[in-house]
């Protein structure tokens, strides 16, 4: 299995989150996604590095429109060249809705993006259900492994 680097960058200023914790989480997430099995011909197979950028809703909405011709913000966009763009504001809304920490939600989006790079698809059933099950299974394993990195708290706890 090739050794891949994963770099994380906070490119927004509106919402604070624990970037250091996510930098510890991301390599574990990458390794766990690779343990699911590399898909032959998927972009992940040939990548040496993945770059994750945390951005505002406005920034991701611009990318969404320019590259996918879809108006509005979304949670995560993955490009085959190894770039994953994540909206922190969207993640914050979902974290609140699901009673999770923001870091937990951002970690889930990192996993989601890596799985897309490994050929997973969530556009139609049954692939969407399979991808969702995989990302939550990976998340459980990563959170267990990352507990030594330092766990994150739910809001209000």
Protein backbone atom coordinates (compact mmCIF):
# COMPACT_ATOMS: atom_id res chain seq x y z
CA UNK A 1 0.00 0.00 0.00
CA UNK A 2 1.43 3.35 -1.02
CA UNK A 3 2.13 5.94 1.63
CA UNK A 4 -0.05 8.96 0.97
CA UNK A 5 0.08 12.32 2.70
CA UNK A 6 -3.04 14.20 3.69
CA UNK A 7 -2.79 17.93 4.30
CA UNK A 8 -5.50 20.05 5.93
CA UNK A 9 -5.92 23.81 5.52
CA UNK A 10 -8.38 26.17 7.18
CA UNK A 11 -9.26 28.70 4.47
CA UNK A 12 -12.18 30.31 6.27
CA UNK A 13 -12.35 32.61 9.28
CA UNK A 14 -16.00 32.51 10.31
CA UNK A 15 -16.11 29.42 12.52
CA UNK A 16 -13.51 28.13 14.95
CA UNK A 17 -12.73 24.42 15.14
CA UNK A 18 -9.93 22.16 16.33
CA UNK A 19 -7.74 21.89 13.23
CA UNK A 20 -4.93 20.22 15.21
CA UNK A 21 -7.27 17.38 16.25
CA UNK A 22 -8.42 16.92 12.65
CA UNK A 23 -4.78 16.82 11.51
CA UNK A 24 -4.33 13.84 13.83
CA UNK A 25 -7.62 12.29 12.71
CA UNK A 26 -7.06 12.59 8.93
CA UNK A 27 -4.10 10.18 8.48
CA UNK A 28 -5.95 7.55 10.51
CA UNK A 29 -9.05 8.12 8.36
CA UNK A 30 -7.00 7.75 5.20
CA UNK A 31 -5.46 4.48 6.43
CA UNK A 32 -8.87 3.11 7.45
CA UNK A 33 -10.38 4.05 4.07
CA UNK A 34 -7.48 2.27 2.36
CA UNK A 35 -8.16 -0.80 4.55
CA UNK A 36 -11.56 -0.97 2.87
CA UNK A 37 -9.58 -1.94 -0.24
CA UNK A 38 -8.23 0.24 -3.01
CA UNK A 39 -10.45 0.20 -6.08
CA UNK A 40 -8.45 -0.48 -9.23
CA UNK A 41 -8.43 2.61 -11.42
CA UNK A 42 -9.89 4.90 -8.74
CA UNK A 43 -8.09 8.24 -8.31
CA UNK A 44 -6.84 7.33 -4.82
CA UNK A 45 -4.75 4.52 -6.26
CA UNK A 46 -2.38 6.97 -7.99
CA UNK A 47 -2.39 9.90 -5.56
CA UNK A 48 0.65 10.75 -3.44
CA UNK A 49 -1.16 13.51 -1.54
CA UNK A 50 -4.66 14.60 -0.66
CA UNK A 51 -5.42 18.22 0.19
CA UNK A 52 -8.43 19.08 2.36
CA UNK A 53 -9.53 22.72 2.44
CA UNK A 54 -12.06 23.97 4.97
CA UNK A 55 -13.97 26.88 3.45
CA UNK A 56 -17.03 29.08 3.93
CA UNK A 57 -20.47 28.39 2.46
CA UNK A 58 -19.89 31.25 0.04
CA UNK A 59 -16.62 29.74 -1.21
CA UNK A 60 -18.01 26.23 -1.65
CA UNK A 61 -21.13 27.61 -3.37
CA UNK A 62 -18.83 29.30 -5.89
CA UNK A 63 -16.96 26.02 -6.53
CA UNK A 64 -20.26 24.14 -6.73
CA UNK A 65 -21.55 26.54 -9.39
CA UNK A 66 -18.32 26.82 -11.39
CA UNK A 67 -17.43 23.14 -11.56
CA UNK A 68 -20.77 21.35 -11.23
CA UNK A 69 -23.20 24.00 -12.49
CA UNK A 70 -25.27 23.65 -9.30
CA UNK A 71 -26.34 26.71 -7.32
CA UNK A 72 -25.83 26.92 -3.57
CA UNK A 73 -23.57 25.58 -0.88
CA UNK A 74 -23.00 21.89 -0.25
CA UNK A 75 -21.14 19.95 2.42
CA UNK A 76 -18.18 18.44 0.55
CA UNK A 77 -16.84 18.46 -3.00
CA UNK A 78 -14.15 16.00 -4.09
CA UNK A 79 -11.96 16.42 -7.14
CA UNK A 80 -10.20 13.44 -8.73
CA UNK A 81 -6.81 15.17 -8.50
CA UNK A 82 -6.98 14.75 -4.72
CA UNK A 83 -8.58 17.95 -3.51
CA UNK A 84 -11.43 17.79 -1.01
CA UNK A 85 -13.30 21.01 -0.22
CA UNK A 86 -15.45 21.10 2.91
CA UNK A 87 -17.88 23.79 4.07
CA UNK A 88 -17.39 24.46 7.76
CA UNK A 89 -20.68 26.40 8.02
CA UNK A 90 -22.65 23.52 6.49
CA UNK A 91 -20.87 21.06 8.79
CA UNK A 92 -21.71 23.27 11.79
CA UNK A 93 -25.42 23.22 10.90
CA UNK A 94 -25.46 19.42 10.56
CA UNK A 95 -23.39 18.94 13.72
CA UNK A 96 -25.97 20.96 15.63
CA UNK A 97 -28.85 19.06 14.02
CA UNK A 98 -27.36 15.66 14.85
CA UNK A 99 -25.99 16.60 18.29
CA UNK A 100 -22.37 16.00 17.29
CA UNK A 101 -19.24 18.06 17.69
CA UNK A 102 -18.20 20.12 14.68
CA UNK A 103 -14.96 18.12 14.50
CA UNK A 104 -16.94 14.86 14.34
CA UNK A 105 -18.94 16.19 11.38
CA UNK A 106 -15.83 17.53 9.63
CA UNK A 107 -14.12 14.16 10.17
CA UNK A 108 -17.09 12.42 8.57
CA UNK A 109 -16.74 14.71 5.54
CA UNK A 110 -13.02 13.92 5.27
CA UNK A 111 -13.88 10.22 5.17
CA UNK A 112 -16.65 10.87 2.64
CA UNK A 113 -14.22 12.68 0.35
CA UNK A 114 -11.58 9.95 0.63
CA UNK A 115 -14.17 7.30 -0.20
CA UNK A 116 -15.12 9.27 -3.33
CA UNK A 117 -11.44 9.26 -4.30
CA UNK A 118 -11.53 5.50 -3.86
CA UNK A 119 -14.33 5.12 -6.38
CA UNK A 120 -17.35 5.13 -4.05
CA UNK A 121 -20.47 6.74 -5.45
CA UNK A 122 -23.51 8.17 -3.66
CA UNK A 123 -25.59 9.35 -6.62
CA UNK A 124 -27.98 6.39 -6.78
CA UNK A 125 -29.05 3.35 -4.80
CA UNK A 126 -27.78 0.84 -3.77
CA UNK A 127 -24.34 2.48 -4.01
CA UNK A 128 -25.44 5.45 -1.86
CA UNK A 129 -26.53 3.19 0.99
CA UNK A 130 -23.35 1.12 0.73
CA UNK A 131 -21.21 4.30 0.83
CA UNK A 132 -23.10 5.66 3.84
CA UNK A 133 -22.67 2.37 5.73
CA UNK A 134 -18.97 2.30 4.84
CA UNK A 135 -18.31 5.89 5.92
CA UNK A 136 -19.96 5.34 9.31
CA UNK A 137 -18.09 2.06 9.85
CA UNK A 138 -14.81 3.81 9.00
CA UNK A 139 -15.74 6.75 11.25
CA UNK A 140 -16.35 4.41 14.22
CA UNK A 141 -12.95 2.76 13.71
CA UNK A 142 -11.16 6.09 13.28
CA UNK A 143 -12.75 7.63 16.37
CA UNK A 144 -11.71 4.58 18.38
CA UNK A 145 -8.15 4.79 17.02
CA UNK A 146 -8.05 8.58 17.33
CA UNK A 147 -9.12 8.54 20.98
CA UNK A 148 -5.43 8.54 21.82
CA UNK A 149 -5.03 11.67 19.69
CA UNK A 150 -7.62 13.39 21.93
CA UNK A 151 -11.32 13.06 21.68
CA UNK A 152 -13.68 15.90 20.89
CA UNK A 153 -16.70 16.77 22.97
CA UNK A 154 -20.27 17.13 21.87
CA UNK A 155 -21.65 20.63 22.09
CA UNK A 156 -22.88 21.39 25.57
CA UNK A 157 -20.90 18.61 27.25
